[in-house]
Amino acid sequence: MKQLNKEDIQQEVFDLYDAYAHNKLDRRTFVEKLSAYAVGGITVASLMSAMMPNYVDTRTILPDDERLESEFIMYDSPKGGGKIKGLLSTPTGMTGKVPGIVVVHENRGLNPYIEDVGRRCAVAGFISLAPDALTPLGGYPGNDDEGRAMQSKRDRNEMLEDFIAAYETLKNHPDCTGEVGVVGFCFGGWISNMMAVRLPDLGAAVPFYGGQPSAEDAAKIKAPLMLQYAGLDERVNAGWPAYEEVLKANNIEYQAFVYPDVNHGFHNNTTPRYDEAAATLAWERTIDFFNEKLKS
């Protein structure tokens, strides 16, 4: 089977995958539509393989990295799923307390990519908690397709409570200053926006390509926002003008960045939607923002 590079994949294929990944297409229809692009030695199987995440050798920070300590914990989420598992990552060599960051996964549970993001936060000098909203259903199953199917069975507002509980867990952690922010991706971007709505004491929120709250909810936001959008992500970007209008009307502090010519999911380095330049810049901006808002 021919190994495909990002450059071999047409934009229409990325768009089809986005629809499939967000439950707009079932797997059978996705495969059928892919067949139209299986030409010139490219097969449906090779397209499918190329679009799926590769968790082999894509971790940027290993769990045993000497710069941090990572462990899975269980924390209470009485308004959500009850008991939730999460990856707690703490920087080593701390001379005092540090701020916290809740790391919110996409629509498929706590996969290796999001675990890696949690560790990146710790290396940057924060204590992070990356919850798995699939815990009540048995936890992330080891592959994203099954994880996505599982997550669709949970109510998203109940899952929001799980991440709000993670915020409270970090805020009260003995190694945390009490200043806590949130970063989330895709579904996690919506969660990040909604945590800003729900938590007046939230230190900062960085939603990556996340769905926007209603105008009524957006007006309640107190936390400073950094919003990261993908230029080719028409589905999510359609809600941005109305959101920005509310933020401006209510004098809510925000920064917004649209990265041109990149797809939804551009920060995820395990799929061909990844864009190294945009992801690197967006992450540098994210950490600088958290340093400014949580450490000052």
C-alpha atoms as a PDB file:
ATOM      1  CA  MET A   1       0.000   0.000   0.000  1.00  0.00           C
ATOM      2  CA  LYS A   2       1.370   3.390  -0.994  1.00  0.00           C
ATOM      3  CA  GLN A   3       2.342   5.565   1.973  1.00  0.00           C
ATOM      4  CA  LEU A   4       0.747   8.979   1.496  1.00  0.00           C
ATOM      5  CA  ASN A   5       2.164  12.323   2.516  1.00  0.00           C
ATOM      6  CA  LYS A   6       0.099  15.352   3.472  1.00  0.00           C
ATOM      7  CA  GLU A   7       0.760  16.806   0.027  1.00  0.00           C
ATOM      8  CA  ASP A   8      -0.845  13.759  -1.612  1.00  0.00           C
ATOM      9  CA  ILE A   9      -4.207  14.416   0.063  1.00  0.00           C
ATOM     10  CA  GLN A  10      -6.712  16.735  -1.580  1.00  0.00           C
ATOM     11  CA  GLN A  11      -8.527  19.330   0.526  1.00  0.00           C
ATOM     12  CA  GLU A  12     -11.842  17.618  -0.220  1.00  0.00           C
ATOM     13  CA  VAL A  13     -10.529  14.529   1.581  1.00  0.00           C
ATOM     14  CA  PHE A  14      -9.675  16.606   4.647  1.00  0.00           C
ATOM     15  CA  ASP A  15     -13.192  18.048   4.514  1.00  0.00           C
ATOM     16  CA  LEU A  16     -14.700  14.564   4.318  1.00  0.00           C
ATOM     17  CA  TYR A  17     -12.639  13.439   7.287  1.00  0.00           C
ATOM     18  CA  ASP A  18     -13.773  16.472   9.265  1.00  0.00           C
ATOM     19  CA  ALA A  19     -17.396  15.537   8.591  1.00  0.00           C
ATOM     20  CA  TYR A  20     -16.707  11.935   9.599  1.00  0.00           C
ATOM     21  CA  ALA A  21     -14.760  12.922  12.716  1.00  0.00           C
ATOM     22  CA  HIS A  22     -17.635  15.119  13.867  1.00  0.00           C
ATOM     23  CA  ASN A  23     -20.327  12.504  13.262  1.00  0.00           C
ATOM     24  CA  LYS A  24     -21.754  14.160  10.150  1.00  0.00           C
ATOM     25  CA  LEU A  25     -20.962  11.042   8.099  1.00  0.00           C
ATOM     26  CA  ASP A  26     -21.052   7.420   9.185  1.00  0.00           C
ATOM     27  CA  ARG A  27     -18.055   5.239   8.398  1.00  0.00           C
ATOM     28  CA  ARG A  28     -19.705   3.527   5.431  1.00  0.00           C
ATOM     29  CA  THR A  29     -20.612   6.814   3.746  1.00  0.00           C
ATOM     30  CA  PHE A  30     -17.168   8.209   4.487  1.00  0.00           C
ATOM     31  CA  VAL A  31     -15.509   5.248   2.774  1.00  0.00           C
ATOM     32  CA  GLU A  32     -17.872   5.471  -0.189  1.00  0.00           C
ATOM     33  CA  LYS A  33     -17.130   9.159  -0.708  1.00  0.00           C
ATOM     34  CA  LEU A  34     -13.389   8.574  -0.362  1.00  0.00           C
ATOM     35  CA  SER A  35     -13.494   6.227  -3.331  1.00  0.00           C
ATOM     36  CA  ALA A  36     -13.863   9.228  -5.656  1.00  0.00           C
ATOM     37  CA  TYR A  37     -10.330  10.272  -4.682  1.00  0.00           C
ATOM     38  CA  ALA A  38      -8.746   6.835  -5.026  1.00  0.00           C
ATOM     39  CA  VAL A  39      -7.006   7.493  -8.337  1.00  0.00           C
ATOM     40  CA  GLY A  40      -3.482   7.433  -9.726  1.00  0.00           C
ATOM     41  CA  GLY A  41      -2.298   4.580  -7.550  1.00  0.00           C
ATOM     42  CA  ILE A  42      -3.982   5.953  -4.422  1.00  0.00           C
ATOM     43  CA  THR A  43      -6.380   3.487  -2.815  1.00  0.00           C
ATOM     44  CA  VAL A  44      -9.218   3.985  -0.357  1.00  0.00           C
ATOM     45  CA  ALA A  45      -7.217   1.966   2.154  1.00  0.00           C
ATOM     46  CA  SER A  46      -4.199   4.245   1.807  1.00  0.00           C
ATOM     47  CA  LEU A  47      -6.389   7.338   2.203  1.00  0.00           C
ATOM     48  CA  MET A  48      -8.027   5.870   5.297  1.00  0.00           C
ATOM     49  CA  SER A  49      -4.661   4.958   6.770  1.00  0.00           C
ATOM     50  CA  ALA A  50      -3.225   8.398   6.083  1.00  0.00           C
ATOM     51  CA  MET A  51      -6.106  10.242   7.737  1.00  0.00           C
ATOM     52  CA  MET A  52      -6.108   8.213  10.941  1.00  0.00           C
ATOM     53  CA  PRO A  53      -3.938   9.394  13.863  1.00  0.00           C
ATOM     54  CA  ASN A  54      -0.488   7.902  14.267  1.00  0.00           C
ATOM     55  CA  TYR A  55       0.450   7.604  17.922  1.00  0.00           C
ATOM     56  CA  VAL A  56       3.764   5.855  17.232  1.00  0.00           C
ATOM     57  CA  ASP A  57       6.765   8.142  17.724  1.00  0.00           C
ATOM     58  CA  THR A  58       4.659  11.308  17.805  1.00  0.00           C
ATOM     59  CA  ARG A  59       5.004  12.068  21.510  1.00  0.00           C
ATOM     60  CA  THR A  60       7.080  15.196  22.040  1.00  0.00           C
ATOM     61  CA  ILE A  61       7.562  14.638  25.784  1.00  0.00           C
ATOM     62  CA  LEU A  62       7.791  11.117  27.170  1.00  0.00           C
ATOM     63  CA  PRO A  63       6.084  10.194  30.448  1.00  0.00           C
ATOM     64  CA  ASP A  64       9.452   9.551  32.116  1.00  0.00           C
ATOM     65  CA  ASP A  65      10.934  12.910  31.087  1.00  0.00           C
ATOM     66  CA  GLU A  66      13.003  14.147  34.036  1.00  0.00           C
ATOM     67  CA  ARG A  67      11.488  17.626  33.761  1.00  0.00           C
ATOM     68  CA  LEU A  68       8.129  16.487  35.097  1.00  0.00           C
ATOM     69  CA  GLU A  69       6.219  13.916  37.091  1.00  0.00           C
ATOM     70  CA  SER A  70       3.030  12.437  35.625  1.00  0.00           C
ATOM     71  CA  GLU A  71       0.452  10.182  37.212  1.00  0.00           C
ATOM     72  CA  PHE A  72      -3.148   9.229  36.657  1.00  0.00           C
ATOM     73  CA  ILE A  73      -5.494  10.306  39.414  1.00  0.00           C
ATOM     74  CA  MET A  74      -9.201  10.021  40.145  1.00  0.00           C
ATOM     75  CA  TYR A  75     -11.098  13.123  41.177  1.00  0.00           C
ATOM     76  CA  ASP A  76     -14.684  13.823  42.200  1.00  0.00           C
ATOM     77  CA  SER A  77     -17.206  15.223  39.718  1.00  0.00           C
ATOM     78  CA  PRO A  78     -20.494  15.125  41.654  1.00  0.00           C
ATOM     79  CA  LYS A  79     -22.464  17.057  39.014  1.00  0.00           C
ATOM     80  CA  GLY A  80     -20.898  15.148  36.140  1.00  0.00           C
ATOM     81  CA  GLY A  81     -19.715  11.568  35.817  1.00  0.00           C
ATOM     82  CA  GLY A  82     -19.018  10.930  39.496  1.00  0.00           C
ATOM     83  CA  LYS A  83     -15.385   9.812  39.537  1.00  0.00           C
ATOM     84  CA  ILE A  84     -13.184  10.977  36.655  1.00  0.00           C
ATOM     85  CA  LYS A  85      -9.707   9.807  35.692  1.00  0.00           C
ATOM     86  CA  GLY A  86      -7.161  12.396  34.630  1.00  0.00           C
ATOM     87  CA  LEU A  87      -3.468  12.729  33.907  1.00  0.00           C
ATOM     88  CA  LEU A  88      -1.838  15.037  36.457  1.00  0.00           C
ATOM     89  CA  SER A  89       1.520  16.419  35.321  1.00  0.00           C
ATOM     90  CA  THR A  90       3.732  18.502  37.598  1.00  0.00           C
ATOM     91  CA  PRO A  91       7.049  20.210  36.822  1.00  0.00           C
ATOM     92  CA  THR A  92      10.009  18.936  38.814  1.00  0.00           C
ATOM     93  CA  GLY A  93      12.305  21.199  40.775  1.00  0.00           C
ATOM     94  CA  MET A  94       9.565  23.577  41.899  1.00  0.00           C
ATOM     95  CA  THR A  95      10.618  26.065  44.569  1.00  0.00           C
ATOM     96  CA  GLY A  96       7.034  27.049  45.296  1.00  0.00           C
ATOM     97  CA  LYS A  97       3.508  26.747  44.022  1.00  0.00           C
ATOM     98  CA  VAL A  98       2.727  27.107  40.316  1.00  0.00           C
ATOM     99  CA  PRO A  99      -0.441  27.941  38.336  1.00  0.00           C
ATOM    100  CA  GLY A 100      -2.627  25.208  36.875  1.00  0.00           C
ATOM    101  CA  ILE A 101      -3.968  24.392  33.421  1.00  0.00           C
ATOM    102  CA  VAL A 102      -6.903  22.115  32.617  1.00  0.00           C
ATOM    103  CA  VAL A 103      -6.257  20.384  29.283  1.00  0.00           C
ATOM    104  CA  VAL A 104      -9.448  19.373  27.474  1.00  0.00           C
ATOM    105  CA  HIS A 105      -9.502  16.629  24.856  1.00  0.00           C
ATOM    106  CA  GLU A 106     -11.262  16.473  21.506  1.00  0.00           C
ATOM    107  CA  ASN A 107     -14.430  14.462  20.876  1.00  0.00           C
ATOM    108  CA  ARG A 108     -12.782  11.077  21.445  1.00  0.00           C
ATOM    109  CA  GLY A 109     -11.449  10.943  24.986  1.00  0.00           C
ATOM    110  CA  LEU A 110      -8.017  11.257  26.548  1.00  0.00           C
ATOM    111  CA  ASN A 111      -5.802   9.948  23.769  1.00  0.00           C
ATOM    112  CA  PRO A 112      -1.970   9.995  23.625  1.00  0.00           C
ATOM    113  CA  TYR A 113      -1.910  13.373  21.864  1.00  0.00           C
ATOM    114  CA  ILE A 114      -3.810  15.119  24.661  1.00  0.00           C
ATOM    115  CA  GLU A 115      -1.699  13.366  27.297  1.00  0.00           C
ATOM    116  CA  ASP A 116       1.320  14.821  25.508  1.00  0.00           C
ATOM    117  CA  VAL A 117      -0.202  18.308  25.586  1.00  0.00           C
ATOM    118  CA  GLY A 118      -0.651  17.935  29.337  1.00  0.00           C
ATOM    119  CA  ARG A 119       3.027  17.105  29.699  1.00  0.00           C
ATOM    120  CA  ARG A 120       3.957  20.079  27.508  1.00  0.00           C
ATOM    121  CA  CYS A 121       2.138  22.330  29.973  1.00  0.00           C
ATOM    122  CA  ALA A 122       4.135  20.875  32.864  1.00  0.00           C
ATOM    123  CA  VAL A 123       7.435  21.394  31.047  1.00  0.00           C
ATOM    124  CA  ALA A 124       6.353  25.016  30.535  1.00  0.00           C
ATOM    125  CA  GLY A 125       6.065  25.432  34.306  1.00  0.00           C
ATOM    126  CA  PHE A 126       2.422  24.663  35.090  1.00  0.00           C
ATOM    127  CA  ILE A 127       0.665  21.858  36.918  1.00  0.00           C
ATOM    128  CA  SER A 128      -1.785  20.354  34.438  1.00  0.00           C
ATOM    129  CA  LEU A 129      -4.770  18.051  34.665  1.00  0.00           C
ATOM    130  CA  ALA A 130      -5.995  16.329  31.498  1.00  0.00           C
ATOM    131  CA  PRO A 131      -9.283  14.555  32.307  1.00  0.00           C
ATOM    132  CA  ASP A 132     -10.850  11.677  30.413  1.00  0.00           C
ATOM    133  CA  ALA A 133     -14.566  12.351  29.955  1.00  0.00           C
ATOM    134  CA  LEU A 134     -14.971   8.719  28.884  1.00  0.00           C
ATOM    135  CA  THR A 135     -14.209   7.496  32.414  1.00  0.00           C
ATOM    136  CA  PRO A 136     -17.874   6.688  33.232  1.00  0.00           C
ATOM    137  CA  LEU A 137     -17.977   4.486  30.112  1.00  0.00           C
ATOM    138  CA  GLY A 138     -14.734   2.675  30.856  1.00  0.00           C
ATOM    139  CA  GLY A 139     -12.225   5.269  29.661  1.00  0.00           C
ATOM    140  CA  TYR A 140     -10.478   5.966  26.369  1.00  0.00           C
ATOM    141  CA  PRO A 141     -10.600   2.611  24.547  1.00  0.00           C
ATOM    142  CA  GLY A 142      -7.256   2.807  22.769  1.00  0.00           C
ATOM    143  CA  ASN A 143      -8.417   4.074  19.383  1.00  0.00           C
ATOM    144  CA  ASP A 144     -10.126   7.260  18.317  1.00  0.00           C
ATOM    145  CA  ASP A 145     -12.975   5.751  16.294  1.00  0.00           C
ATOM    146  CA  GLU A 146     -14.282   3.828  19.297  1.00  0.00           C
ATOM    147  CA  GLY A 147     -13.571   6.781  21.550  1.00  0.00           C
ATOM    148  CA  ARG A 148     -15.635   9.070  19.355  1.00  0.00           C
ATOM    149  CA  ALA A 149     -18.545   6.622  19.376  1.00  0.00           C
ATOM    150  CA  MET A 150     -18.336   6.363  23.160  1.00  0.00           C
ATOM    151  CA  GLN A 151     -18.185  10.107  23.720  1.00  0.00           C
ATOM    152  CA  SER A 152     -21.307  10.617  21.593  1.00  0.00           C
ATOM    153  CA  LYS A 153     -23.208   8.661  24.260  1.00  0.00           C
ATOM    154  CA  ARG A 154     -22.477  11.207  26.978  1.00  0.00           C
ATOM    155  CA  ASP A 155     -24.326  14.488  27.451  1.00  0.00           C
ATOM    156  CA  ARG A 156     -21.960  17.346  26.676  1.00  0.00           C
ATOM    157  CA  ASN A 157     -23.265  19.513  29.512  1.00  0.00           C
ATOM    158  CA  GLU A 158     -22.599  16.693  31.956  1.00  0.00           C
ATOM    159  CA  MET A 159     -19.079  16.441  30.535  1.00  0.00           C
ATOM    160  CA  LEU A 160     -18.712  20.194  31.030  1.00  0.00           C
ATOM    161  CA  GLU A 161     -19.297  19.563  34.733  1.00  0.00           C
ATOM    162  CA  ASP A 162     -16.420  17.058  34.705  1.00  0.00           C
ATOM    163  CA  PHE A 163     -14.021  19.716  33.449  1.00  0.00           C
ATOM    164  CA  ILE A 164     -15.355  22.333  35.857  1.00  0.00           C
ATOM    165  CA  ALA A 165     -14.657  19.810  38.617  1.00  0.00           C
ATOM    166  CA  ALA A 166     -11.123  19.425  37.228  1.00  0.00           C
ATOM    167  CA  TYR A 167     -10.709  23.188  37.561  1.00  0.00           C
ATOM    168  CA  GLU A 168     -11.755  22.993  41.212  1.00  0.00           C
ATOM    169  CA  THR A 169      -9.416  20.044  41.780  1.00  0.00           C
ATOM    170  CA  LEU A 170      -6.446  21.967  40.399  1.00  0.00           C
ATOM    171  CA  LYS A 171      -7.395  25.201  42.155  1.00  0.00           C
ATOM    172  CA  ASN A 172      -7.274  23.393  45.503  1.00  0.00           C
ATOM    173  CA  HIS A 173      -4.206  21.279  44.767  1.00  0.00           C
ATOM    174  CA  PRO A 174      -1.429  21.893  47.321  1.00  0.00           C
ATOM    175  CA  ASP A 175       1.104  22.606  44.551  1.00  0.00           C
ATOM    176  CA  CYS A 176      -1.141  25.125  42.760  1.00  0.00           C
ATOM    177  CA  THR A 177      -1.244  28.871  43.374  1.00  0.00           C
ATOM    178  CA  GLY A 178      -4.994  28.823  42.824  1.00  0.00           C
ATOM    179  CA  GLU A 179      -4.641  30.543  39.458  1.00  0.00           C
ATOM    180  CA  VAL A 180      -6.000  28.151  36.830  1.00  0.00           C
ATOM    181  CA  GLY A 181      -6.517  28.406  33.078  1.00  0.00           C
ATOM    182  CA  VAL A 182      -7.881  26.056  30.441  1.00  0.00           C
ATOM    183  CA  VAL A 183      -6.818  25.014  26.964  1.00  0.00           C
ATOM    184  CA  GLY A 184      -8.928  22.753  24.780  1.00  0.00           C
ATOM    185  CA  PHE A 185      -9.140  21.442  21.250  1.00  0.00           C
ATOM    186  CA  CYS A 186     -12.213  20.875  19.053  1.00  0.00           C
ATOM    187  CA  PHE A 187     -14.844  19.672  21.578  1.00  0.00           C
ATOM    188  CA  GLY A 188     -12.344  20.883  24.152  1.00  0.00           C
ATOM    189  CA  GLY A 189     -12.444  24.304  22.544  1.00  0.00           C
ATOM    190  CA  TRP A 190     -16.182  24.472  23.196  1.00  0.00           C
ATOM    191  CA  ILE A 191     -15.586  23.292  26.762  1.00  0.00           C
ATOM    192  CA  SER A 192     -12.955  26.020  27.200  1.00  0.00           C
ATOM    193  CA  ASN A 193     -15.400  28.663  25.999  1.00  0.00           C
ATOM    194  CA  MET A 194     -18.101  27.343  28.309  1.00  0.00           C
ATOM    195  CA  MET A 195     -15.773  27.192  31.308  1.00  0.00           C
ATOM    196  CA  ALA A 196     -15.122  30.891  30.689  1.00  0.00           C
ATOM    197  CA  VAL A 197     -18.895  31.399  30.747  1.00  0.00           C
ATOM    198  CA  ARG A 198     -19.406  29.384  33.928  1.00  0.00           C
ATOM    199  CA  LEU A 199     -16.343  30.322  35.993  1.00  0.00           C
ATOM    200  CA  PRO A 200     -15.940  34.021  36.848  1.00  0.00           C
ATOM    201  CA  ASP A 201     -12.602  33.292  38.554  1.00  0.00           C
ATOM    202  CA  LEU A 202     -11.081  31.396  35.619  1.00  0.00           C
ATOM    203  CA  GLY A 203      -7.638  32.859  35.012  1.00  0.00           C
ATOM    204  CA  ALA A 204      -7.526  32.466  31.219  1.00  0.00           C
ATOM    205  CA  ALA A 205      -9.024  30.350  28.438  1.00  0.00           C
ATOM    206  CA  VAL A 206      -7.471  29.266  25.135  1.00  0.00           C
ATOM    207  CA  PRO A 207      -9.980  27.475  22.883  1.00  0.00           C
ATOM    208  CA  PHE A 208      -8.490  25.912  19.759  1.00  0.00           C
ATOM    209  CA  TYR A 209     -11.070  25.736  16.942  1.00  0.00           C
ATOM    210  CA  GLY A 210     -13.907  25.438  19.446  1.00  0.00           C
ATOM    211  CA  GLY A 211     -17.626  25.983  19.080  1.00  0.00           C
ATOM    212  CA  GLN A 212     -18.867  29.285  20.426  1.00  0.00           C
ATOM    213  CA  PRO A 213     -21.337  29.924  23.260  1.00  0.00           C
ATOM    214  CA  SER A 214     -24.657  31.647  22.696  1.00  0.00           C
ATOM    215  CA  ALA A 215     -24.743  35.439  22.765  1.00  0.00           C
ATOM    216  CA  GLU A 216     -26.465  35.343  26.151  1.00  0.00           C
ATOM    217  CA  ASP A 217     -23.781  33.080  27.595  1.00  0.00           C
ATOM    218  CA  ALA A 218     -20.862  34.882  25.958  1.00  0.00           C
ATOM    219  CA  ALA A 219     -21.865  38.124  27.668  1.00  0.00           C
ATOM    220  CA  LYS A 220     -21.161  36.472  31.053  1.00  0.00           C
ATOM    221  CA  ILE A 221     -17.467  35.832  30.369  1.00  0.00           C
ATOM    222  CA  LYS A 222     -14.976  37.414  32.770  1.00  0.00           C
ATOM    223  CA  ALA A 223     -11.804  35.500  31.874  1.00  0.00           C
ATOM    224  CA  PRO A 224      -9.370  36.785  29.254  1.00  0.00           C
ATOM    225  CA  LEU A 225      -9.552  34.739  26.064  1.00  0.00           C
ATOM    226  CA  MET A 226      -7.116  33.711  23.371  1.00  0.00           C
ATOM    227  CA  LEU A 227      -9.033  32.165  20.488  1.00  0.00           C
ATOM    228  CA  GLN A 228      -7.189  30.029  17.938  1.00  0.00           C
ATOM    229  CA  TYR A 229      -8.906  29.299  14.613  1.00  0.00           C
ATOM    230  CA  ALA A 230      -7.924  27.392  11.463  1.00  0.00           C
ATOM    231  CA  GLY A 231      -8.348  29.347   8.243  1.00  0.00           C
ATOM    232  CA  LEU A 232      -9.910  26.437   6.328  1.00  0.00           C
ATOM    233  CA  ASP A 233     -12.305  25.477   9.136  1.00  0.00           C
ATOM    234  CA  GLU A 234     -15.510  26.899   7.690  1.00  0.00           C
ATOM    235  CA  ARG A 235     -17.712  24.862  10.033  1.00  0.00           C
ATOM    236  CA  VAL A 236     -16.360  26.360  13.265  1.00  0.00           C
ATOM    237  CA  ASN A 237     -15.390  29.748  11.869  1.00  0.00           C
ATOM    238  CA  ALA A 238     -18.982  30.450  10.840  1.00  0.00           C
ATOM    239  CA  GLY A 239     -19.803  31.194  14.478  1.00  0.00           C
ATOM    240  CA  TRP A 240     -16.893  33.545  15.114  1.00  0.00           C
ATOM    241  CA  PRO A 241     -18.276  36.895  13.820  1.00  0.00           C
ATOM    242  CA  ALA A 242     -21.307  36.766  16.122  1.00  0.00           C
ATOM    243  CA  TYR A 243     -19.134  35.696  19.065  1.00  0.00           C
ATOM    244  CA  GLU A 244     -16.670  38.516  18.466  1.00  0.00           C
ATOM    245  CA  GLU A 245     -19.516  41.015  18.284  1.00  0.00           C
ATOM    246  CA  VAL A 246     -20.656  40.025  21.786  1.00  0.00           C
ATOM    247  CA  LEU A 247     -17.109  40.120  23.163  1.00  0.00           C
ATOM    248  CA  LYS A 248     -16.624  43.636  21.810  1.00  0.00           C
ATOM    249  CA  ALA A 249     -20.031  44.853  22.991  1.00  0.00           C
ATOM    250  CA  ASN A 250     -19.304  43.678  26.534  1.00  0.00           C
ATOM    251  CA  ASN A 251     -15.675  44.842  26.662  1.00  0.00           C
ATOM    252  CA  ILE A 252     -14.435  41.306  27.261  1.00  0.00           C
ATOM    253  CA  GLU A 253     -10.679  40.930  26.930  1.00  0.00           C
ATOM    254  CA  TYR A 254      -9.756  38.707  24.008  1.00  0.00           C
ATOM    255  CA  GLN A 255      -7.200  37.994  21.335  1.00  0.00           C
ATOM    256  CA  ALA A 256      -8.099  36.028  18.223  1.00  0.00           C
ATOM    257  CA  PHE A 257      -5.800  34.427  15.683  1.00  0.00           C
ATOM    258  CA  VAL A 258      -6.814  32.828  12.408  1.00  0.00           C
ATOM    259  CA  TYR A 259      -4.049  30.728  10.871  1.00  0.00           C
ATOM    260  CA  PRO A 260      -4.399  30.846   7.072  1.00  0.00           C
ATOM    261  CA  ASP A 261      -4.498  27.756   4.889  1.00  0.00           C
ATOM    262  CA  VAL A 262      -4.622  25.233   7.744  1.00  0.00           C
ATOM    263  CA  ASN A 263      -7.302  22.750   8.716  1.00  0.00           C
ATOM    264  CA  HIS A 264      -9.306  22.115  11.857  1.00  0.00           C
ATOM    265  CA  GLY A 265      -7.015  20.081  14.080  1.00  0.00           C
ATOM    266  CA  PHE A 266      -3.822  21.762  12.885  1.00  0.00           C
ATOM    267  CA  HIS A 267      -2.253  21.531  16.357  1.00  0.00           C
ATOM    268  CA  ASN A 268      -2.596  17.740  16.530  1.00  0.00           C
ATOM    269  CA  ASN A 269       0.761  16.365  15.400  1.00  0.00           C
ATOM    270  CA  THR A 270      -0.546  12.809  14.979  1.00  0.00           C
ATOM    271  CA  THR A 271      -2.627  13.423  11.829  1.00  0.00           C
ATOM    272  CA  PRO A 272      -1.918  14.904   8.365  1.00  0.00           C
ATOM    273  CA  ARG A 273      -4.022  17.932   9.276  1.00  0.00           C
ATOM    274  CA  TYR A 274      -1.086  18.983  11.454  1.00  0.00           C
ATOM    275  CA  ASP A 275       0.692  22.147  10.373  1.00  0.00           C
ATOM    276  CA  GLU A 276       4.025  22.513  12.147  1.00  0.00           C
ATOM    277  CA  ALA A 277       4.477  26.241  11.622  1.00  0.00           C
ATOM    278  CA  ALA A 278       0.960  27.170  12.738  1.00  0.00           C
ATOM    279  CA  ALA A 279       0.994  24.703  15.641  1.00  0.00           C
ATOM    280  CA  THR A 280       4.344  25.968  16.910  1.00  0.00           C
ATOM    281  CA  LEU A 281       3.288  29.607  16.735  1.00  0.00           C
ATOM    282  CA  ALA A 282      -0.104  28.921  18.321  1.00  0.00           C
ATOM    283  CA  TRP A 283       1.489  27.007  21.199  1.00  0.00           C
ATOM    284  CA  GLU A 284       4.100  29.707  21.808  1.00  0.00           C
ATOM    285  CA  ARG A 285       1.291  32.246  21.966  1.00  0.00           C
ATOM    286  CA  THR A 286      -0.678  29.995  24.311  1.00  0.00           C
ATOM    287  CA  ILE A 287       2.152  29.585  26.810  1.00  0.00           C
ATOM    288  CA  ASP A 288       3.034  33.294  26.662  1.00  0.00           C
ATOM    289  CA  PHE A 289      -0.627  34.094  27.356  1.00  0.00           C
ATOM    290  CA  PHE A 290      -0.777  31.748  30.340  1.00  0.00           C
ATOM    291  CA  ASN A 291       2.493  33.154  31.679  1.00  0.00           C
ATOM    292  CA  GLU A 292       1.063  36.656  31.457  1.00  0.00           C
ATOM    293  CA  LYS A 293      -2.384  35.923  32.886  1.00  0.00           C
ATOM    294  CA  LEU A 294      -1.637  33.220  35.471  1.00  0.00           C
ATOM    295  CA  LYS A 295       1.828  34.105  36.754  1.00  0.00           C
ATOM    296  CA  SER A 296       1.720  37.895  36.959  1.00  0.00           C
END
